[in-house]
C-alpha cells in the first residue's frame, strides 16, 4: 500500500495515500497541521517542498505558476492546496511556508 509522508515542524506523519484529494484536505482530515488560509492558490501559506514521488502528483496548476516563481518550482516547490496524488506511489512532502 502506498504511503504519504507529511513532514512538519511537529515531526513526520505517515498517512495512507488518498487519490485526487489536495494535500491540505488530507492533512486536515487526519488532523495534521498544514498551514493554509485561502485553499485557492493565492496566499501560499501551504507552500510545500516535494521530497519524493513527484511523478505520482498532478501537473503544476495555473495557480501555482502565478504564485510561485519559476526558480521555486524548479527546486520542487508546490502549493499544498493544489497538489493531488493522482496515482498510487510513495510521496513525501514537507511544509515550507515563507
PDB file of N, CA and C in Angstrom:
ATOM      1  N   UNK A   1       0.845  -1.191   0.000  1.00  0.00           N
ATOM      2  CA  UNK A   1       0.000   0.000   0.000  1.00  0.00           C
ATOM      3  C   UNK A   1       0.885   1.248   0.000  1.00  0.00           C
ATOM      4  N   UNK A   2       0.541   2.206  -0.815  1.00  0.00           N
ATOM      5  CA  UNK A   2       1.312   3.438  -0.936  1.00  0.00           C
ATOM      6  C   UNK A   2       1.152   4.293   0.315  1.00  0.00           C
ATOM      7  N   UNK A   3       2.162   5.121   0.542  1.00  0.00           N
ATOM      8  CA  UNK A   3       2.174   5.931   1.755  1.00  0.00           C
ATOM      9  C   UNK A   3       2.469   7.390   1.429  1.00  0.00           C
ATOM     10  N   UNK A   4       1.782   8.270   2.122  1.00  0.00           N
ATOM     11  CA  UNK A   4       2.027   9.700   2.053  1.00  0.00           C
ATOM     12  C   UNK A   4       2.696  10.107   3.362  1.00  0.00           C
ATOM     13  N   UNK A   5       3.880  10.697   3.260  1.00  0.00           N
ATOM     14  CA  UNK A   5       4.576  11.196   4.448  1.00  0.00           C
ATOM     15  C   UNK A   5       4.567  12.711   4.409  1.00  0.00           C
ATOM     16  N   UNK A   6       3.996  13.314   5.454  1.00  0.00           N
ATOM     17  CA  UNK A   6       3.960  14.768   5.583  1.00  0.00           C
ATOM     18  C   UNK A   6       4.953  15.175   6.661  1.00  0.00           C
ATOM     19  N   UNK A   7       5.911  16.004   6.293  1.00  0.00           N
ATOM     20  CA  UNK A   7       6.951  16.459   7.207  1.00  0.00           C
ATOM     21  C   UNK A   7       6.588  17.860   7.692  1.00  0.00           C
ATOM     22  N   UNK A   8       6.406  17.984   9.017  1.00  0.00           N
ATOM     23  CA  UNK A   8       6.060  19.280   9.611  1.00  0.00           C
ATOM     24  C   UNK A   8       7.042  19.586  10.736  1.00  0.00           C
ATOM     25  N   UNK A   9       6.909  20.748  11.310  1.00  0.00           N
ATOM     26  CA  UNK A   9       7.760  21.109  12.453  1.00  0.00           C
ATOM     27  C   UNK A   9       7.525  20.168  13.632  1.00  0.00           C
ATOM     28  N   UNK A  10       6.326  19.613  13.701  1.00  0.00           N
ATOM     29  CA  UNK A  10       5.972  18.703  14.796  1.00  0.00           C
ATOM     30  C   UNK A  10       6.459  17.280  14.545  1.00  0.00           C
ATOM     31  N   UNK A  11       7.022  17.021  13.367  1.00  0.00           N
ATOM     32  CA  UNK A  11       7.514  15.683  13.058  1.00  0.00           C
ATOM     33  C   UNK A  11       6.930  15.141  11.773  1.00  0.00           C
ATOM     34  N   UNK A  12       7.207  13.873  11.506  1.00  0.00           N
ATOM     35  CA  UNK A  12       6.721  13.213  10.299  1.00  0.00           C
ATOM     36  C   UNK A  12       5.398  12.506  10.590  1.00  0.00           C
ATOM     37  N   UNK A  13       4.494  12.587   9.633  1.00  0.00           N
ATOM     38  CA  UNK A  13       3.184  11.948   9.753  1.00  0.00           C
ATOM     39  C   UNK A  13       3.001  11.022   8.561  1.00  0.00           C
ATOM     40  N   UNK A  14       2.823   9.737   8.817  1.00  0.00           N
ATOM     41  CA  UNK A  14       2.639   8.760   7.756  1.00  0.00           C
ATOM     42  C   UNK A  14       1.159   8.447   7.608  1.00  0.00           C
ATOM     43  N   UNK A  15       0.649   8.691   6.405  1.00  0.00           N
ATOM     44  CA  UNK A  15      -0.778   8.550   6.127  1.00  0.00           C
ATOM     45  C   UNK A  15      -0.975   7.687   4.888  1.00  0.00           C
ATOM     46  N   UNK A  16      -2.149   7.082   4.758  1.00  0.00           N
ATOM     47  CA  UNK A  16      -2.428   6.355   3.523  1.00  0.00           C
ATOM     48  C   UNK A  16      -2.624   7.344   2.379  1.00  0.00           C
ATOM     49  N   UNK A  17      -2.251   6.943   1.177  1.00  0.00           N
ATOM     50  CA  UNK A  17      -2.456   7.781   0.002  1.00  0.00           C
ATOM     51  C   UNK A  17      -3.950   7.875  -0.289  1.00  0.00           C
ATOM     52  N   UNK A  18      -4.424   9.088  -0.532  1.00  0.00           N
ATOM     53  CA  UNK A  18      -5.810   9.316  -0.929  1.00  0.00           C
ATOM     54  C   UNK A  18      -5.766  10.024  -2.274  1.00  0.00           C
ATOM     55  N   UNK A  19      -6.174   9.330  -3.306  1.00  0.00           N
ATOM     56  CA  UNK A  19      -6.103   9.872  -4.655  1.00  0.00           C
ATOM     57  C   UNK A  19      -7.072  11.030  -4.865  1.00  0.00           C
ATOM     58  N   UNK A  20      -6.612  11.999  -5.657  1.00  0.00           N
ATOM     59  CA  UNK A  20      -7.426  13.132  -6.109  1.00  0.00           C
ATOM     60  C   UNK A  20      -7.980  14.004  -4.990  1.00  0.00           C
ATOM     61  N   UNK A  21      -7.251  14.075  -3.893  1.00  0.00           N
ATOM     62  CA  UNK A  21      -7.575  14.973  -2.782  1.00  0.00           C
ATOM     63  C   UNK A  21      -6.381  15.902  -2.585  1.00  0.00           C
ATOM     64  N   UNK A  22      -6.624  17.163  -2.298  1.00  0.00           N
ATOM     65  CA  UNK A  22      -5.493  18.071  -2.076  1.00  0.00           C
ATOM     66  C   UNK A  22      -4.763  17.677  -0.796  1.00  0.00           C
ATOM     67  N   UNK A  23      -3.490  18.005  -0.756  1.00  0.00           N
ATOM     68  CA  UNK A  23      -2.687  17.708   0.432  1.00  0.00           C
ATOM     69  C   UNK A  23      -3.255  18.426   1.649  1.00  0.00           C
ATOM     70  N   UNK A  24      -3.714  19.649   1.466  1.00  0.00           N
ATOM     71  CA  UNK A  24      -4.317  20.393   2.578  1.00  0.00           C
ATOM     72  C   UNK A  24      -5.542  19.649   3.103  1.00  0.00           C
ATOM     73  N   UNK A  25      -6.383  19.141   2.205  1.00  0.00           N
ATOM     74  CA  UNK A  25      -7.591  18.412   2.618  1.00  0.00           C
ATOM     75  C   UNK A  25      -7.236  17.132   3.365  1.00  0.00           C
ATOM     76  N   UNK A  26      -6.240  16.404   2.877  1.00  0.00           N
ATOM     77  CA  UNK A  26      -5.826  15.159   3.533  1.00  0.00           C
ATOM     78  C   UNK A  26      -5.239  15.462   4.910  1.00  0.00           C
ATOM     79  N   UNK A  27      -4.388  16.476   4.992  1.00  0.00           N
ATOM     80  CA  UNK A  27      -3.788  16.855   6.279  1.00  0.00           C
ATOM     81  C   UNK A  27      -4.883  17.239   7.279  1.00  0.00           C
ATOM     82  N   UNK A  28      -5.821  18.039   6.832  1.00  0.00           N
ATOM     83  CA  UNK A  28      -6.929  18.478   7.690  1.00  0.00           C
ATOM     84  C   UNK A  28      -7.728  17.273   8.197  1.00  0.00           C
ATOM     85  N   UNK A  29      -8.027  16.336   7.303  1.00  0.00           N
ATOM     86  CA  UNK A  29      -8.800  15.143   7.655  1.00  0.00           C
ATOM     87  C   UNK A  29      -8.108  14.326   8.749  1.00  0.00           C
ATOM     88  N   UNK A  30      -6.766  14.278   8.692  1.00  0.00           N
ATOM     89  CA  UNK A  30      -6.000  13.481   9.652  1.00  0.00           C
ATOM     90  C   UNK A  30      -5.431  14.323  10.797  1.00  0.00           C
ATOM     91  N   UNK A  31      -5.912  15.569  10.896  1.00  0.00           N
ATOM     92  CA  UNK A  31      -5.529  16.482  11.982  1.00  0.00           C
ATOM     93  C   UNK A  31      -4.020  16.755  12.030  1.00  0.00           C
ATOM     94  N   UNK A  32      -3.429  16.891  10.843  1.00  0.00           N
ATOM     95  CA  UNK A  32      -2.028  17.283  10.713  1.00  0.00           C
ATOM     96  C   UNK A  32      -2.026  18.769  10.391  1.00  0.00           C
ATOM     97  N   UNK A  33      -1.296  19.554  11.176  1.00  0.00           N
ATOM     98  CA  UNK A  33      -1.253  20.995  10.939  1.00  0.00           C
ATOM     99  C   UNK A  33      -0.440  21.268   9.673  1.00  0.00           C
ATOM    100  N   UNK A  34      -1.114  21.815   8.680  1.00  0.00           N
ATOM    101  CA  UNK A  34      -0.504  22.163   7.392  1.00  0.00           C
ATOM    102  C   UNK A  34      -1.033  23.537   7.049  1.00  0.00           C
ATOM    103  N   UNK A  35      -0.302  24.555   7.460  1.00  0.00           N
ATOM    104  CA  UNK A  35      -0.774  25.932   7.343  1.00  0.00           C
ATOM    105  C   UNK A  35      -1.422  26.257   6.012  1.00  0.00           C
ATOM    106  N   UNK A  36      -2.543  26.924   6.074  1.00  0.00           N
ATOM    107  CA  UNK A  36      -3.258  27.372   4.884  1.00  0.00           C
ATOM    108  C   UNK A  36      -4.267  28.431   5.300  1.00  0.00           C
ATOM    109  N   UNK A  37      -4.680  29.239   4.336  1.00  0.00           N
ATOM    110  CA  UNK A  37      -5.707  30.237   4.612  1.00  0.00           C
ATOM    111  C   UNK A  37      -6.786  30.202   3.531  1.00  0.00           C
ATOM    112  N   UNK A  38      -6.363  30.344   2.286  1.00  0.00           N
ATOM    113  CA  UNK A  38      -7.362  30.516   1.226  1.00  0.00           C
ATOM    114  C   UNK A  38      -7.803  29.217   0.550  1.00  0.00           C
ATOM    115  N   UNK A  39      -6.932  28.243   0.421  1.00  0.00           N
ATOM    116  CA  UNK A  39      -7.178  26.986  -0.294  1.00  0.00           C
ATOM    117  C   UNK A  39      -7.490  27.188  -1.774  1.00  0.00           C
ATOM    118  N   UNK A  40      -7.074  28.337  -2.333  1.00  0.00           N
ATOM    119  CA  UNK A  40      -7.313  28.628  -3.752  1.00  0.00           C
ATOM    120  C   UNK A  40      -6.020  28.912  -4.507  1.00  0.00           C
ATOM    121  N   UNK A  41      -4.868  28.804  -3.840  1.00  0.00           N
ATOM    122  CA  UNK A  41      -3.602  29.064  -4.510  1.00  0.00           C
ATOM    123  C   UNK A  41      -3.177  30.508  -4.528  1.00  0.00           C
ATOM    124  N   UNK A  42      -3.713  31.309  -3.610  1.00  0.00           N
ATOM    125  CA  UNK A  42      -3.399  32.734  -3.588  1.00  0.00           C
ATOM    126  C   UNK A  42      -2.436  33.099  -2.458  1.00  0.00           C
ATOM    127  N   UNK A  43      -2.670  32.585  -1.266  1.00  0.00           N
ATOM    128  CA  UNK A  43      -1.906  33.030  -0.093  1.00  0.00           C
ATOM    129  C   UNK A  43      -0.529  32.385   0.028  1.00  0.00           C
ATOM    130  N   UNK A  44      -0.355  31.184  -0.475  1.00  0.00           N
ATOM    131  CA  UNK A  44       0.905  30.424  -0.433  1.00  0.00           C
ATOM    132  C   UNK A  44       1.348  30.042   0.982  1.00  0.00           C
ATOM    133  N   UNK A  45       0.440  30.089   1.954  1.00  0.00           N
ATOM    134  CA  UNK A  45       0.799  29.636   3.300  1.00  0.00           C
ATOM    135  C   UNK A  45       1.010  28.125   3.333  1.00  0.00           C
ATOM    136  N   UNK A  46       0.526  27.448   2.315  1.00  0.00           N
ATOM    137  CA  UNK A  46       0.653  25.989   2.250  1.00  0.00           C
ATOM    138  C   UNK A  46       1.821  25.574   1.355  1.00  0.00           C
ATOM    139  N   UNK A  47       2.778  26.495   1.128  1.00  0.00           N
ATOM    140  CA  UNK A  47       3.916  26.178   0.253  1.00  0.00           C
ATOM    141  C   UNK A  47       4.559  24.880   0.722  1.00  0.00           C
ATOM    142  N   UNK A  48       4.800  23.991  -0.221  1.00  0.00           N
ATOM    143  CA  UNK A  48       5.210  22.616   0.057  1.00  0.00           C
ATOM    144  C   UNK A  48       6.395  22.238  -0.816  1.00  0.00           C
ATOM    145  N   UNK A  49       7.362  21.559  -0.209  1.00  0.00           N
ATOM    146  CA  UNK A  49       8.505  21.042  -0.959  1.00  0.00           C
ATOM    147  C   UNK A  49       8.275  19.558  -1.208  1.00  0.00           C
ATOM    148  N   UNK A  50       8.312  19.167  -2.473  1.00  0.00           N
ATOM    149  CA  UNK A  50       8.149  17.761  -2.841  1.00  0.00           C
ATOM    150  C   UNK A  50       9.504  17.083  -2.669  1.00  0.00           C
ATOM    151  N   UNK A  51       9.595  16.174  -1.694  1.00  0.00           N
ATOM    152  CA  UNK A  51      10.845  15.476  -1.408  1.00  0.00           C
ATOM    153  C   UNK A  51      10.964  14.175  -2.196  1.00  0.00           C
ATOM    154  N   UNK A  52       9.851  13.479  -2.363  1.00  0.00           N
ATOM    155  CA  UNK A  52       9.823  12.213  -3.100  1.00  0.00           C
ATOM    156  C   UNK A  52       8.459  12.037  -3.749  1.00  0.00           C
ATOM    157  N   UNK A  53       8.448  11.372  -4.909  1.00  0.00           N
ATOM    158  CA  UNK A  53       7.195  10.973  -5.529  1.00  0.00           C
ATOM    159  C   UNK A  53       6.535  11.986  -6.431  1.00  0.00           C
ATOM    160  N   UNK A  54       7.294  12.946  -6.953  1.00  0.00           N
ATOM    161  CA  UNK A  54       6.704  13.963  -7.840  1.00  0.00           C
ATOM    162  C   UNK A  54       5.989  13.334  -9.023  1.00  0.00           C
ATOM    163  N   UNK A  55       6.454  12.173  -9.451  1.00  0.00           N
ATOM    164  CA  UNK A  55       5.851  11.514 -10.623  1.00  0.00           C
ATOM    165  C   UNK A  55       4.434  11.012 -10.355  1.00  0.00           C
ATOM    166  N   UNK A  56       4.031  10.958  -9.080  1.00  0.00           N
ATOM    167  CA  UNK A  56       2.685  10.484  -8.727  1.00  0.00           C
ATOM    168  C   UNK A  56       1.698  11.634  -8.531  1.00  0.00           C
ATOM    169  N   UNK A  57       2.178  12.866  -8.720  1.00  0.00           N
ATOM    170  CA  UNK A  57       1.358  14.051  -8.473  1.00  0.00           C
ATOM    171  C   UNK A  57       0.783  14.621  -9.762  1.00  0.00           C
ATOM    172  N   UNK A  58      -0.278  15.417  -9.606  1.00  0.00           N
ATOM    173  CA  UNK A  58      -0.853  16.126 -10.745  1.00  0.00           C
ATOM    174  C   UNK A  58       0.145  17.137 -11.299  1.00  0.00           C
ATOM    175  N   UNK A  59      -0.127  17.611 -12.489  1.00  0.00           N
ATOM    176  CA  UNK A  59       0.712  18.637 -13.108  1.00  0.00           C
ATOM    177  C   UNK A  59       0.591  19.942 -12.318  1.00  0.00           C
ATOM    178  N   UNK A  60       1.609  20.785 -12.429  1.00  0.00           N
ATOM    179  CA  UNK A  60       1.572  22.108 -11.810  1.00  0.00           C
ATOM    180  C   UNK A  60       0.370  22.871 -12.352  1.00  0.00           C
ATOM    181  N   UNK A  61      -0.376  23.500 -11.447  1.00  0.00           N
ATOM    182  CA  UNK A  61      -1.589  24.219 -11.847  1.00  0.00           C
ATOM    183  C   UNK A  61      -1.269  25.662 -12.236  1.00  0.00           C
ATOM    184  N   UNK A  62      -2.229  26.310 -12.892  1.00  0.00           N
ATOM    185  CA  UNK A  62      -2.037  27.715 -13.271  1.00  0.00           C
ATOM    186  C   UNK A  62      -1.885  28.592 -12.029  1.00  0.00           C
ATOM    187  N   UNK A  63      -2.581  28.225 -10.946  1.00  0.00           N
ATOM    188  CA  UNK A  63      -2.461  28.986  -9.695  1.00  0.00           C
ATOM    189  C   UNK A  63      -1.031  28.921  -9.162  1.00  0.00           C
ATOM    190  N   UNK A  64      -0.416  27.751  -9.251  1.00  0.00           N
ATOM    191  CA  UNK A  64       0.966  27.608  -8.795  1.00  0.00           C
ATOM    192  C   UNK A  64       1.920  28.396  -9.686  1.00  0.00           C
ATOM    193  N   UNK A  65       1.662  28.389 -10.980  1.00  0.00           N
ATOM    194  CA  UNK A  65       2.514  29.136 -11.913  1.00  0.00           C
ATOM    195  C   UNK A  65       2.420  30.637 -11.660  1.00  0.00           C
ATOM    196  N   UNK A  66       1.240  31.104 -11.236  1.00  0.00           N
ATOM    197  CA  UNK A  66       1.068  32.522 -10.929  1.00  0.00           C
ATOM    198  C   UNK A  66       1.700  32.906  -9.591  1.00  0.00           C
ATOM    199  N   UNK A  67       1.629  32.016  -8.611  1.00  0.00           N
ATOM    200  CA  UNK A  67       2.048  32.350  -7.235  1.00  0.00           C
ATOM    201  C   UNK A  67       3.512  32.033  -6.938  1.00  0.00           C
ATOM    202  N   UNK A  68       4.030  30.940  -7.483  1.00  0.00           N
ATOM    203  CA  UNK A  68       5.403  30.525  -7.203  1.00  0.00           C
ATOM    204  C   UNK A  68       6.327  30.936  -8.343  1.00  0.00           C
ATOM    205  N   UNK A  69       7.503  31.443  -7.980  1.00  0.00           N
ATOM    206  CA  UNK A  69       8.477  31.809  -9.002  1.00  0.00           C
ATOM    207  C   UNK A  69       8.958  30.561  -9.736  1.00  0.00           C
ATOM    208  N   UNK A  70       9.391  30.752 -10.956  1.00  0.00           N
ATOM    209  CA  UNK A  70       9.885  29.647 -11.776  1.00  0.00           C
ATOM    210  C   UNK A  70      11.016  28.911 -11.061  1.00  0.00           C
ATOM    211  N   UNK A  71      11.910  29.649 -10.402  1.00  0.00           N
ATOM    212  CA  UNK A  71      13.033  29.046  -9.676  1.00  0.00           C
ATOM    213  C   UNK A  71      12.528  28.175  -8.523  1.00  0.00           C
ATOM    214  N   UNK A  72      11.482  28.615  -7.839  1.00  0.00           N
ATOM    215  CA  UNK A  72      10.909  27.814  -6.748  1.00  0.00           C
ATOM    216  C   UNK A  72      10.344  26.510  -7.293  1.00  0.00           C
ATOM    217  N   UNK A  73       9.601  26.620  -8.378  1.00  0.00           N
ATOM    218  CA  UNK A  73       9.019  25.414  -8.980  1.00  0.00           C
ATOM    219  C   UNK A  73      10.122  24.458  -9.435  1.00  0.00           C
ATOM    220  N   UNK A  74      11.205  24.992  -9.962  1.00  0.00           N
ATOM    221  CA  UNK A  74      12.333  24.160 -10.407  1.00  0.00           C
ATOM    222  C   UNK A  74      12.982  23.425  -9.226  1.00  0.00           C
ATOM    223  N   UNK A  75      12.933  24.028  -8.040  1.00  0.00           N
ATOM    224  CA  UNK A  75      13.502  23.410  -6.829  1.00  0.00           C
ATOM    225  C   UNK A  75      12.568  22.363  -6.236  1.00  0.00           C
ATOM    226  N   UNK A  76      11.330  22.279  -6.735  1.00  0.00           N
ATOM    227  CA  UNK A  76      10.386  21.278  -6.252  1.00  0.00           C
ATOM    228  C   UNK A  76       9.284  21.815  -5.366  1.00  0.00           C
ATOM    229  N   UNK A  77       9.133  23.135  -5.324  1.00  0.00           N
ATOM    230  CA  UNK A  77       8.069  23.713  -4.503  1.00  0.00           C
ATOM    231  C   UNK A  77       6.746  23.687  -5.246  1.00  0.00           C
ATOM    232  N   UNK A  78       5.691  23.410  -4.505  1.00  0.00           N
ATOM    233  CA  UNK A  78       4.315  23.407  -4.999  1.00  0.00           C
ATOM    234  C   UNK A  78       3.452  24.053  -3.915  1.00  0.00           C
ATOM    235  N   UNK A  79       2.162  24.140  -4.159  1.00  0.00           N
ATOM    236  CA  UNK A  79       1.207  24.621  -3.158  1.00  0.00           C
ATOM    237  C   UNK A  79       0.374  23.436  -2.681  1.00  0.00           C
ATOM    238  N   UNK A  80       0.315  23.246  -1.370  1.00  0.00           N
ATOM    239  CA  UNK A  80      -0.404  22.112  -0.799  1.00  0.00           C
ATOM    240  C   UNK A  80      -1.877  22.071  -1.159  1.00  0.00           C
ATOM    241  N   UNK A  81      -2.465  23.240  -1.391  1.00  0.00           N
ATOM    242  CA  UNK A  81      -3.887  23.273  -1.768  1.00  0.00           C
ATOM    243  C   UNK A  81      -4.103  22.843  -3.212  1.00  0.00           C
ATOM    244  N   UNK A  82      -3.035  22.795  -3.992  1.00  0.00           N
ATOM    245  CA  UNK A  82      -3.133  22.442  -5.401  1.00  0.00           C
ATOM    246  C   UNK A  82      -2.609  21.033  -5.695  1.00  0.00           C
ATOM    247  N   UNK A  83      -1.729  20.522  -4.834  1.00  0.00           N
ATOM    248  CA  UNK A  83      -1.146  19.194  -5.057  1.00  0.00           C
ATOM    249  C   UNK A  83      -2.192  18.115  -4.818  1.00  0.00           C
ATOM    250  N   UNK A  84      -2.280  17.187  -5.772  1.00  0.00           N
ATOM    251  CA  UNK A  84      -3.106  15.992  -5.603  1.00  0.00           C
ATOM    252  C   UNK A  84      -2.288  14.789  -6.051  1.00  0.00           C
ATOM    253  N   UNK A  85      -2.415  13.705  -5.320  1.00  0.00           N
ATOM    254  CA  UNK A  85      -1.795  12.458  -5.749  1.00  0.00           C
ATOM    255  C   UNK A  85      -2.766  11.828  -6.737  1.00  0.00           C
ATOM    256  N   UNK A  86      -2.286  11.558  -7.946  1.00  0.00           N
ATOM    257  CA  UNK A  86      -3.177  11.060  -8.991  1.00  0.00           C
ATOM    258  C   UNK A  86      -2.945   9.588  -9.337  1.00  0.00           C
ATOM    259  N   UNK A  87      -1.857   8.999  -8.785  1.00  0.00           N
ATOM    260  CA  UNK A  87      -1.649   7.562  -8.962  1.00  0.00           C
ATOM    261  C   UNK A  87      -0.900   7.006  -7.764  1.00  0.00           C
ATOM    262  N   UNK A  88      -1.106   5.717  -7.519  1.00  0.00           N
ATOM    263  CA  UNK A  88      -0.505   5.067  -6.356  1.00  0.00           C
ATOM    264  C   UNK A  88       1.021   5.146  -6.396  1.00  0.00           C
ATOM    265  N   UNK A  89       1.601   5.454  -5.254  1.00  0.00           N
ATOM    266  CA  UNK A  89       3.048   5.528  -5.113  1.00  0.00           C
ATOM    267  C   UNK A  89       3.374   6.259  -3.830  1.00  0.00           C
ATOM    268  N   UNK A  90       4.586   6.049  -3.325  1.00  0.00           N
ATOM    269  CA  UNK A  90       5.008   6.712  -2.098  1.00  0.00           C
ATOM    270  C   UNK A  90       5.370   8.168  -2.386  1.00  0.00           C
ATOM    271  N   UNK A  91       4.818   9.070  -1.566  1.00  0.00           N
ATOM    272  CA  UNK A  91       5.046  10.504  -1.728  1.00  0.00           C
ATOM    273  C   UNK A  91       5.475  11.074  -0.386  1.00  0.00           C
ATOM    274  N   UNK A  92       6.482  11.947  -0.423  1.00  0.00           N
ATOM    275  CA  UNK A  92       6.954  12.607   0.798  1.00  0.00           C
ATOM    276  C   UNK A  92       6.996  14.106   0.534  1.00  0.00           C
ATOM    277  N   UNK A  93       6.291  14.857   1.378  1.00  0.00           N
ATOM    278  CA  UNK A  93       6.157  16.299   1.219  1.00  0.00           C
ATOM    279  C   UNK A  93       6.522  17.007   2.518  1.00  0.00           C
ATOM    280  N   UNK A  94       7.121  18.195   2.400  1.00  0.00           N
ATOM    281  CA  UNK A  94       7.480  18.975   3.577  1.00  0.00           C
ATOM    282  C   UNK A  94       6.804  20.342   3.506  1.00  0.00           C
ATOM    283  N   UNK A  95       6.195  20.746   4.600  1.00  0.00           N
ATOM    284  CA  UNK A  95       5.567  22.067   4.678  1.00  0.00           C
ATOM    285  C   UNK A  95       6.683  23.103   4.825  1.00  0.00           C
ATOM    286  N   UNK A  96       6.767  24.033   3.873  1.00  0.00           N
ATOM    287  CA  UNK A  96       7.823  25.043   3.887  1.00  0.00           C
ATOM    288  C   UNK A  96       7.239  26.416   3.572  1.00  0.00           C
ATOM    289  N   UNK A  97       6.480  26.997   4.527  1.00  0.00           N
ATOM    290  CA  UNK A  97       5.911  28.327   4.273  1.00  0.00           C
ATOM    291  C   UNK A  97       7.031  29.370   4.228  1.00  0.00           C
ATOM    292  N   UNK A  98       6.714  30.522   3.692  1.00  0.00           N
ATOM    293  CA  UNK A  98       7.704  31.605   3.603  1.00  0.00           C
ATOM    294  C   UNK A  98       8.082  32.099   4.967  1.00  0.00           C
TER     295      UNK A  98
END
